[in-house]
C-alpha atoms as a PDB file:
ATOM      1  CA  MET A   1      81.886 143.190 106.720  1.00  0.00           C
ATOM      2  CA  ARG A   2      78.989 144.098 108.982  1.00  0.00           C
ATOM      3  CA  THR A   3      77.465 146.290 106.249  1.00  0.00           C
ATOM      4  CA  PHE A   4      77.803 143.461 103.735  1.00  0.00           C
ATOM      5  CA  ALA A   5      76.123 140.982 106.113  1.00  0.00           C
ATOM      6  CA  LEU A   6      73.216 143.369 106.735  1.00  0.00           C
ATOM      7  CA  ALA A   7      72.805 143.861 102.994  1.00  0.00           C
ATOM      8  CA  VAL A   8      72.686 140.096 102.451  1.00  0.00           C
ATOM      9  CA  ILE A   9      70.122 139.666 105.240  1.00  0.00           C
ATOM     10  CA  SER A  10      68.023 142.493 103.799  1.00  0.00           C
ATOM     11  CA  THR A  11      68.143 140.960 100.326  1.00  0.00           C
ATOM     12  CA  LEU A  12      67.159 137.538 101.670  1.00  0.00           C
ATOM     13  CA  ALA A  13      64.269 139.102 103.583  1.00  0.00           C
ATOM     14  CA  VAL A  14      62.953 140.717 100.406  1.00  0.00           C
ATOM     15  CA  LEU A  15      63.286 137.449  98.478  1.00  0.00           C
ATOM     16  CA  VAL A  16      61.476 135.519 101.221  1.00  0.00           C
ATOM     17  CA  SER A  17      58.735 138.155 101.273  1.00  0.00           C
ATOM     18  CA  LEU A  18      58.277 137.960  97.513  1.00  0.00           C
ATOM     19  CA  HIS A  19      58.325 134.156  97.599  1.00  0.00           C
ATOM     20  CA  THR A  20      55.714 134.127 100.368  1.00  0.00           C
ATOM     21  CA  GLU A  21      53.494 136.572  98.469  1.00  0.00           C
ATOM     22  CA  LYS A  22      53.709 134.462  95.294  1.00  0.00           C
ATOM     23  CA  ALA A  23      52.989 131.304  97.286  1.00  0.00           C
ATOM     24  CA  ASN A  24      49.972 132.930  98.873  1.00  0.00           C
ATOM     25  CA  GLN A  25      48.697 133.979  95.471  1.00  0.00           C
ATOM     26  CA  ARG A  26      49.076 130.439  94.152  1.00  0.00           C
ATOM     27  CA  GLY A  27      46.823 129.282  96.986  1.00  0.00           C
ATOM     28  CA  GLN A  28      44.234 131.945  96.144  1.00  0.00           C
ATOM     29  CA  PRO A  29      43.163 131.502  92.502  1.00  0.00           C
ATOM     30  CA  VAL A  30      41.242 134.793  92.377  1.00  0.00           C
ATOM     31  CA  LEU A  31      44.548 136.686  92.736  1.00  0.00           C
ATOM     32  CA  ASN A  32      45.997 134.804  89.775  1.00  0.00           C
ATOM     33  CA  LEU A  33      43.281 135.940  87.370  1.00  0.00           C
ATOM     34  CA  PRO A  34      44.961 137.565  84.347  1.00  0.00           C
ATOM     35  CA  LEU A  35      44.134 141.134  83.357  1.00  0.00           C
ATOM     36  CA  PHE A  36      43.556 142.319  79.795  1.00  0.00           C
ATOM     37  CA  PRO A  37      46.867 142.356  77.868  1.00  0.00           C
ATOM     38  CA  ALA A  38      47.325 146.116  78.001  1.00  0.00           C
ATOM     39  CA  PRO A  39      48.861 148.525  80.535  1.00  0.00           C
ATOM     40  CA  ILE A  40      46.544 150.056  83.131  1.00  0.00           C
ATOM     41  CA  VAL A  41      47.453 153.593  84.183  1.00  0.00           C
ATOM     42  CA  ARG A  42      45.289 155.745  86.460  1.00  0.00           C
ATOM     43  CA  ASP A  43      46.217 158.690  88.677  1.00  0.00           C
ATOM     44  CA  HIS A  44      44.575 159.977  91.861  1.00  0.00           C
ATOM     45  CA  THR A  45      41.739 157.458  91.711  1.00  0.00           C
ATOM     46  CA  PRO A  46      39.385 156.777  94.660  1.00  0.00           C
ATOM     47  CA  LEU A  47      40.121 153.397  96.218  1.00  0.00           C
ATOM     48  CA  THR A  48      36.862 151.663  95.272  1.00  0.00           C
ATOM     49  CA  LEU A  49      37.085 152.972  91.703  1.00  0.00           C
ATOM     50  CA  ALA A  50      40.647 151.663  91.422  1.00  0.00           C
ATOM     51  CA  LEU A  51      39.482 148.252  92.645  1.00  0.00           C
ATOM     52  CA  GLY A  52      36.675 148.353  90.109  1.00  0.00           C
ATOM     53  CA  THR A  53      39.161 149.226  87.381  1.00  0.00           C
ATOM     54  CA  ILE A  54      41.328 146.165  87.940  1.00  0.00           C
ATOM     55  CA  GLY A  55      38.255 144.003  88.485  1.00  0.00           C
ATOM     56  CA  ALA A  56      36.699 145.083  85.188  1.00  0.00           C
ATOM     57  CA  SER A  57      39.971 144.162  83.450  1.00  0.00           C
ATOM     58  CA  VAL A  58      39.900 140.545  84.613  1.00  0.00           C
ATOM     59  CA  GLN A  59      39.801 137.747  82.068  1.00  0.00           C
ATOM     60  CA  ASP A  60      38.395 134.259  82.623  1.00  0.00           C
ATOM     61  CA  GLY A  61      36.559 135.011  85.843  1.00  0.00           C
ATOM     62  CA  TYR A  62      35.674 137.827  88.208  1.00  0.00           C
ATOM     63  CA  ALA A  63      36.391 139.269  91.633  1.00  0.00           C
ATOM     64  CA  LEU A  64      34.135 141.079  94.101  1.00  0.00           C
ATOM     65  CA  PHE A  65      35.304 143.496  96.787  1.00  0.00           C
ATOM     66  CA  GLY A  66      33.856 144.251 100.204  1.00  0.00           C
ATOM     67  CA  VAL A  67      35.467 147.454 101.439  1.00  0.00           C
ATOM     68  CA  GLU A  68      35.328 149.013 104.910  1.00  0.00           C
ATOM     69  CA  LEU A  69      36.625 152.572 105.101  1.00  0.00           C
ATOM     70  CA  HIS A  70      37.068 154.865 108.103  1.00  0.00           C
ATOM     71  CA  ALA A  71      37.586 158.533 107.225  1.00  0.00           C
ATOM     72  CA  LYS A  72      37.002 161.648 109.319  1.00  0.00           C
ATOM     73  CA  ASP A  73      36.555 163.734 106.177  1.00  0.00           C
ATOM     74  CA  GLY A  74      34.244 161.179 104.578  1.00  0.00           C
ATOM     75  CA  LYS A  75      36.536 160.801 101.570  1.00  0.00           C
ATOM     76  CA  GLU A  76      38.129 157.677 100.129  1.00  0.00           C
ATOM     77  CA  PRO A  77      41.915 157.372  99.868  1.00  0.00           C
ATOM     78  CA  LEU A  78      43.303 158.190  96.412  1.00  0.00           C
ATOM     79  CA  VAL A  79      45.649 155.749  94.716  1.00  0.00           C
ATOM     80  CA  ASN A  80      47.547 155.407  91.444  1.00  0.00           C
ATOM     81  CA  LEU A  81      47.650 152.448  89.069  1.00  0.00           C
ATOM     82  CA  ASN A  82      50.629 151.719  86.859  1.00  0.00           C
ATOM     83  CA  LEU A  83      50.329 148.094  85.797  1.00  0.00           C
ATOM     84  CA  PRO A  84      52.253 146.739  82.811  1.00  0.00           C
ATOM     85  CA  ALA A  85      50.694 144.422  80.251  1.00  0.00           C
ATOM     86  CA  GLY A  86      50.562 140.850  81.463  1.00  0.00           C
ATOM     87  CA  SER A  87      49.663 141.740  85.041  1.00  0.00           C
ATOM     88  CA  HIS A  88      47.341 139.715  87.260  1.00  0.00           C
ATOM     89  CA  LEU A  89      44.658 140.775  89.711  1.00  0.00           C
ATOM     90  CA  GLY A  90      47.021 140.109  92.612  1.00  0.00           C
ATOM     91  CA  ASP A  91      49.561 142.528  91.124  1.00  0.00           C
ATOM     92  CA  GLY A  92      46.962 145.282  90.947  1.00  0.00           C
ATOM     93  CA  LEU A  93      45.699 144.582  94.456  1.00  0.00           C
ATOM     94  CA  SER A  94      49.237 144.616  95.868  1.00  0.00           C
ATOM     95  CA  GLU A  95      49.954 147.950  94.193  1.00  0.00           C
ATOM     96  CA  ILE A  96      46.763 149.460  95.595  1.00  0.00           C
ATOM     97  CA  MET A  97      47.248 148.130  99.139  1.00  0.00           C
ATOM     98  CA  ALA A  98      50.807 149.490  99.262  1.00  0.00           C
ATOM     99  CA  GLN A  99      49.303 152.978  98.938  1.00  0.00           C
ATOM    100  CA  VAL A 100      46.754 152.692 101.751  1.00  0.00           C
ATOM    101  CA  PRO A 101      48.777 152.164 104.942  1.00  0.00           C
ATOM    102  CA  GLY A 102      46.625 151.114 107.854  1.00  0.00           C
ATOM    103  CA  TYR A 103      44.498 148.783 105.729  1.00  0.00           C
ATOM    104  CA  GLU A 104      44.751 145.066 105.043  1.00  0.00           C
ATOM    105  CA  HIS A 105      43.012 142.638 102.708  1.00  0.00           C
ATOM    106  CA  GLU A 106      41.709 139.093 102.984  1.00  0.00           C
ATOM    107  CA  VAL A 107      40.516 136.633 100.351  1.00  0.00           C
ATOM    108  CA  VAL A 108      37.351 135.240 101.958  1.00  0.00           C
ATOM    109  CA  SER A 109      36.003 133.033  99.152  1.00  0.00           C
ATOM    110  CA  VAL A 110      36.503 132.020  95.531  1.00  0.00           C
ATOM    111  CA  HIS A 111      35.457 135.480  94.308  1.00  0.00           C
ATOM    112  CA  MET A 112      35.270 137.702  97.405  1.00  0.00           C
ATOM    113  CA  ILE A 113      38.054 139.929  98.725  1.00  0.00           C
ATOM    114  CA  ASN A 114      37.600 142.058 101.852  1.00  0.00           C
ATOM    115  CA  ILE A 115      39.547 145.227 102.627  1.00  0.00           C
ATOM    116  CA  TYR A 116      39.358 146.854 106.056  1.00  0.00           C
ATOM    117  CA  PRO A 117      41.379 148.875 108.585  1.00  0.00           C
ATOM    118  CA  VAL A 118      44.064 146.813 110.296  1.00  0.00           C
ATOM    119  CA  GLY A 119      42.501 145.040 113.272  1.00  0.00           C
ATOM    120  CA  ALA A 120      38.924 145.999 112.338  1.00  0.00           C
ATOM    121  CA  LYS A 121      37.800 142.394 111.930  1.00  0.00           C
ATOM    122  CA  ARG A 122      38.753 141.676 115.552  1.00  0.00           C
ATOM    123  CA  ASP A 123      37.277 144.895 116.978  1.00  0.00           C
ATOM    124  CA  SER A 124      34.034 144.183 118.839  1.00  0.00           C
ATOM    125  CA  THR A 125      33.055 147.866 118.575  1.00  0.00           C
ATOM    126  CA  ASP A 126      33.191 147.765 114.765  1.00  0.00           C
ATOM    127  CA  VAL A 127      29.654 147.965 113.355  1.00  0.00           C
ATOM    128  CA  LEU A 128      30.373 145.270 110.775  1.00  0.00           C
ATOM    129  CA  ASN A 129      31.213 142.833 113.574  1.00  0.00           C
ATOM    130  CA  THR A 130      27.775 143.222 115.155  1.00  0.00           C
ATOM    131  CA  PRO A 131      26.658 139.661 116.009  1.00  0.00           C
ATOM    132  CA  VAL A 132      23.487 138.414 114.352  1.00  0.00           C
ATOM    133  CA  ALA A 133      21.876 135.306 115.857  1.00  0.00           C
ATOM    134  CA  ARG A 134      19.822 134.513 112.761  1.00  0.00           C
ATOM    135  CA  PHE A 135      19.518 136.123 109.347  1.00  0.00           C
ATOM    136  CA  ASP A 136      16.712 134.962 107.085  1.00  0.00           C
ATOM    137  CA  ALA A 137      15.987 136.761 103.816  1.00  0.00           C
ATOM    138  CA  LYS A 138      13.578 135.121 101.396  1.00  0.00           C
ATOM    139  CA  SER A 139      13.344 136.239  97.763  1.00  0.00           C
ATOM    140  CA  ALA A 140      15.217 139.447  98.609  1.00  0.00           C
ATOM    141  CA  ASP A 141      16.951 141.866  96.293  1.00  0.00           C
ATOM    142  CA  PRO A 142      20.607 141.390  97.323  1.00  0.00           C
ATOM    143  CA  THR A 143      21.497 144.930  96.274  1.00  0.00           C
ATOM    144  CA  GLN A 144      19.030 146.237  98.848  1.00  0.00           C
ATOM    145  CA  ILE A 145      20.778 144.181 101.513  1.00  0.00           C
ATOM    146  CA  LEU A 146      24.088 145.752 100.508  1.00  0.00           C
ATOM    147  CA  THR A 147      22.876 149.359 100.509  1.00  0.00           C
ATOM    148  CA  ASN A 148      20.167 149.246 103.201  1.00  0.00           C
ATOM    149  CA  PRO A 149      21.378 146.511 105.559  1.00  0.00           C
ATOM    150  CA  SER A 150      19.699 147.869 108.689  1.00  0.00           C
ATOM    151  CA  GLU A 151      16.294 147.302 107.065  1.00  0.00           C
ATOM    152  CA  PHE A 152      17.109 143.587 106.948  1.00  0.00           C
ATOM    153  CA  ILE A 153      19.168 143.239 110.140  1.00  0.00           C
ATOM    154  CA  PRO A 154      17.397 144.375 113.347  1.00  0.00           C
ATOM    155  CA  GLU A 155      20.602 144.022 115.371  1.00  0.00           C
ATOM    156  CA  LEU A 156      22.297 146.531 113.073  1.00  0.00           C
ATOM    157  CA  ALA A 157      19.349 148.931 113.252  1.00  0.00           C
ATOM    158  CA  SER A 158      19.530 148.830 117.054  1.00  0.00           C
ATOM    159  CA  ARG A 159      23.292 149.354 116.976  1.00  0.00           C
ATOM    160  CA  LEU A 160      23.056 152.365 114.674  1.00  0.00           C
ATOM    161  CA  ASN A 161      20.224 154.006 116.568  1.00  0.00           C
ATOM    162  CA  PRO A 162      19.738 152.634 120.085  1.00  0.00           C
ATOM    163  CA  ARG A 163      17.250 155.387 120.938  1.00  0.00           C
ATOM    164  CA  ARG A 164      14.608 154.139 118.535  1.00  0.00           C
ATOM    165  CA  SER A 165      12.734 150.913 118.054  1.00  0.00           C
ATOM    166  CA  THR A 166      14.049 148.725 115.247  1.00  0.00           C
ATOM    167  CA  ALA A 167      10.550 148.895 113.792  1.00  0.00           C
ATOM    168  CA  GLY A 168      10.793 152.679 113.522  1.00  0.00           C
ATOM    169  CA  PRO A 169      12.166 154.920 110.775  1.00  0.00           C
ATOM    170  CA  ARG A 170      15.593 154.441 109.220  1.00  0.00           C
ATOM    171  CA  PRO A 171      18.359 155.308 111.723  1.00  0.00           C
ATOM    172  CA  SER A 172      19.829 158.791 111.720  1.00  0.00           C
ATOM    173  CA  GLY A 173      23.331 159.108 110.343  1.00  0.00           C
ATOM    174  CA  TYR A 174      22.562 156.390 107.814  1.00  0.00           C
ATOM    175  CA  GLY A 175      22.815 156.658 104.064  1.00  0.00           C
ATOM    176  CA  GLY A 176      22.727 154.251 101.160  1.00  0.00           C
ATOM    177  CA  ALA A 177      22.970 154.120  97.394  1.00  0.00           C
ATOM    178  CA  SER A 178      19.890 153.395  95.326  1.00  0.00           C
ATOM    179  CA  SER A 179      19.313 149.795  94.377  1.00  0.00           C
ATOM    180  CA  ARG A 180      19.444 148.549  90.814  1.00  0.00           C
ATOM    181  CA  SER A 181      16.122 147.928  89.108  1.00  0.00           C
ATOM    182  CA  LYS A 182      14.871 144.488  88.048  1.00  0.00           C
ATOM    183  CA  VAL A 183      17.591 142.571  89.844  1.00  0.00           C
ATOM    184  CA  PRO A 184      16.923 138.848  90.448  1.00  0.00           C
ATOM    185  CA  THR A 185      16.215 137.857  94.046  1.00  0.00           C
ATOM    186  CA  VAL A 186      18.080 135.515  96.378  1.00  0.00           C
ATOM    187  CA  SER A 187      17.284 133.700  99.617  1.00  0.00           C
ATOM    188  CA  LEU A 188      19.790 133.580 102.472  1.00  0.00           C
ATOM    189  CA  GLN A 189      19.674 131.772 105.800  1.00  0.00           C
ATOM    190  CA  MET A 190      22.554 132.258 108.242  1.00  0.00           C
ATOM    191  CA  ASN A 191      22.978 131.501 111.944  1.00  0.00           C
ATOM    192  CA  GLN A 192      25.459 132.982 114.439  1.00  0.00           C
ATOM    193  CA  THR A 193      26.887 135.375 111.898  1.00  0.00           C
ATOM    194  CA  THR A 194      27.901 139.038 111.624  1.00  0.00           C
ATOM    195  CA  VAL A 195      26.911 142.022 109.515  1.00  0.00           C
ATOM    196  CA  ARG A 196      30.167 141.709 107.570  1.00  0.00           C
ATOM    197  CA  GLN A 197      29.482 138.055 106.747  1.00  0.00           C
ATOM    198  CA  ILE A 198      25.929 138.866 105.666  1.00  0.00           C
ATOM    199  CA  LEU A 199      27.167 141.537 103.247  1.00  0.00           C
ATOM    200  CA  ASN A 200      29.695 139.089 101.815  1.00  0.00           C
ATOM    201  CA  ALA A 201      27.041 136.403 101.437  1.00  0.00           C
ATOM    202  CA  ALA A 202      24.655 138.793  99.641  1.00  0.00           C
ATOM    203  CA  SER A 203      27.376 139.638  97.119  1.00  0.00           C
ATOM    204  CA  GLU A 204      28.439 136.029  96.685  1.00  0.00           C
ATOM    205  CA  ALA A 205      24.835 134.925  96.134  1.00  0.00           C
ATOM    206  CA  MET A 206      24.803 136.894  92.881  1.00  0.00           C
ATOM    207  CA  GLU A 207      26.970 134.168  91.372  1.00  0.00           C
ATOM    208  CA  GLY A 208      23.720 132.539  90.328  1.00  0.00           C
ATOM    209  CA  PHE A 209      22.587 135.590  88.342  1.00  0.00           C
ATOM    210  CA  PRO A 210      22.070 135.319  84.571  1.00  0.00           C
ATOM    211  CA  PRO A 211      25.017 136.742  82.547  1.00  0.00           C
ATOM    212  CA  GLU A 212      23.211 140.005  81.811  1.00  0.00           C
ATOM    213  CA  TYR A 213      23.005 140.879  85.544  1.00  0.00           C
ATOM    214  CA  TYR A 214      26.363 141.841  87.003  1.00  0.00           C
ATOM    215  CA  PRO A 215      27.230 140.867  90.582  1.00  0.00           C
ATOM    216  CA  VAL A 216      28.439 143.717  92.777  1.00  0.00           C
ATOM    217  CA  GLY A 217      30.499 144.105  95.911  1.00  0.00           C
ATOM    218  CA  TRP A 218      29.886 146.496  98.772  1.00  0.00           C
ATOM    219  CA  ALA A 219      31.477 149.468 100.497  1.00  0.00           C
ATOM    220  CA  TYR A 220      30.882 150.745 104.024  1.00  0.00           C
ATOM    221  CA  LEU A 221      32.172 154.202 104.946  1.00  0.00           C
ATOM    222  CA  PHE A 222      32.317 155.274 108.592  1.00  0.00           C
ATOM    223  CA  GLN A 223      32.812 158.955 109.310  1.00  0.00           C
ATOM    224  CA  PRO A 224      33.401 159.321 113.092  1.00  0.00           C
ATOM    225  CA  ASP A 225      31.415 162.019 114.881  1.00  0.00           C
ATOM    226  CA  PRO A 226      30.936 161.547 118.647  1.00  0.00           C
ATOM    227  CA  THR A 227      28.091 164.092 118.686  1.00  0.00           C
ATOM    228  CA  LEU A 228      25.825 161.704 116.742  1.00  0.00           C
ATOM    229  CA  PRO A 229      23.872 158.917 118.503  1.00  0.00           C
ATOM    230  CA  ALA A 230      25.477 156.278 116.274  1.00  0.00           C
ATOM    231  CA  GLY A 231      28.984 157.642 116.873  1.00  0.00           C
ATOM    232  CA  GLY A 232      29.240 159.019 113.363  1.00  0.00           C
ATOM    233  CA  LYS A 233      27.842 158.721 109.867  1.00  0.00           C
ATOM    234  CA  HIS A 234      27.430 155.293 108.289  1.00  0.00           C
ATOM    235  CA  SER A 235      27.022 154.999 104.520  1.00  0.00           C
ATOM    236  CA  TRP A 236      26.811 152.036 102.165  1.00  0.00           C
ATOM    237  CA  SER A 237      27.248 151.671  98.433  1.00  0.00           C
ATOM    238  CA  PHE A 238      28.108 149.237  95.634  1.00  0.00           C
ATOM    239  CA  VAL A 239      31.545 148.372  94.333  1.00  0.00           C
ATOM    240  CA  PHE A 240      31.297 147.553  90.627  1.00  0.00           C
ATOM    241  CA  SER A 241      34.110 145.241  89.541  1.00  0.00           C
ATOM    242  CA  ALA A 242      32.745 142.414  87.382  1.00  0.00           C
ATOM    243  CA  PRO A 243      33.930 142.437  83.739  1.00  0.00           C
ATOM    244  CA  ASN A 244      31.541 142.183  80.808  1.00  0.00           C
ATOM    245  CA  ASN A 245      32.287 138.496  80.385  1.00  0.00           C
ATOM    246  CA  TRP A 246      32.027 137.647  84.091  1.00  0.00           C
ATOM    247  CA  LYS A 247      29.829 134.678  83.224  1.00  0.00           C
ATOM    248  CA  PRO A 248      30.304 133.489  79.637  1.00  0.00           C
ATOM    249  CA  GLN A 249      27.036 132.580  77.985  1.00  0.00           C
ATOM    250  CA  PRO A 250      26.771 129.032  76.644  1.00  0.00           C
ATOM    251  CA  GLN A 251      27.469 128.865  72.943  1.00  0.00           C
ATOM    252  CA  LYS A 252      24.489 128.113  70.802  1.00  0.00           C
ATOM    253  CA  THR A 253      24.677 124.933  68.794  1.00  0.00           C
ATOM    254  CA  ALA A 254      24.480 125.629  65.085  1.00  0.00           C
ATOM    255  CA  LYS A 255      21.422 124.219  63.385  1.00  0.00           C
ATOM    256  CA  HIS A 256      21.981 122.200  60.259  1.00  0.00           C
ATOM    257  CA  SER A 257      19.390 122.225  57.525  1.00  0.00           C
END
């Protein structure tokens, strides 16, 4: 009898969990975006590439990812994808997150999803939580903000290399991906914010891009090394996830002779 009762409780717990997850997805439209009507199968894929794979398969919209990774070996976690036809973005994200214990995700806006180590958002020592009193970027290339943030955020430059002036050379232990050429510019003004929020805002600002310019997310990789002044190596890169039809172009009206 006891075994039966425990089994019933366990089953109810699973059903409640699934119901809660579905309810949460209904409240977050980005997770309900349908994927292309074909199975998606990938093995041993780096986390950001797997996110880009499901993002590029989205129909009727797009999703951007901001990813914070901590890895002593400097390598991303590897995950598998095995999504049946008819899946949604939330299904793919759930499958990925189940394979990276120690990480959690948060939908932060209509298009933006953040992934970070559990508790990182509340950790005052986390570089991405560095407070920024005022951020003002006028006619800036947002991809440069994503890959070279310390050049735009003096507080971050000081945090990464306290031994040098923020007006000096790029901090040691810092690396970034090259920016894309001929990208439209954006202007951002933010008060009492954080580095993480600035990166999100730079990605979200690309919503106003013309259809031929794809918005991108960001990735921050921290490789701990107490022998370095900044406590380790800090690197930044893009996360490509927008599908080809991320912003449908207006249909041209046919001209009648």
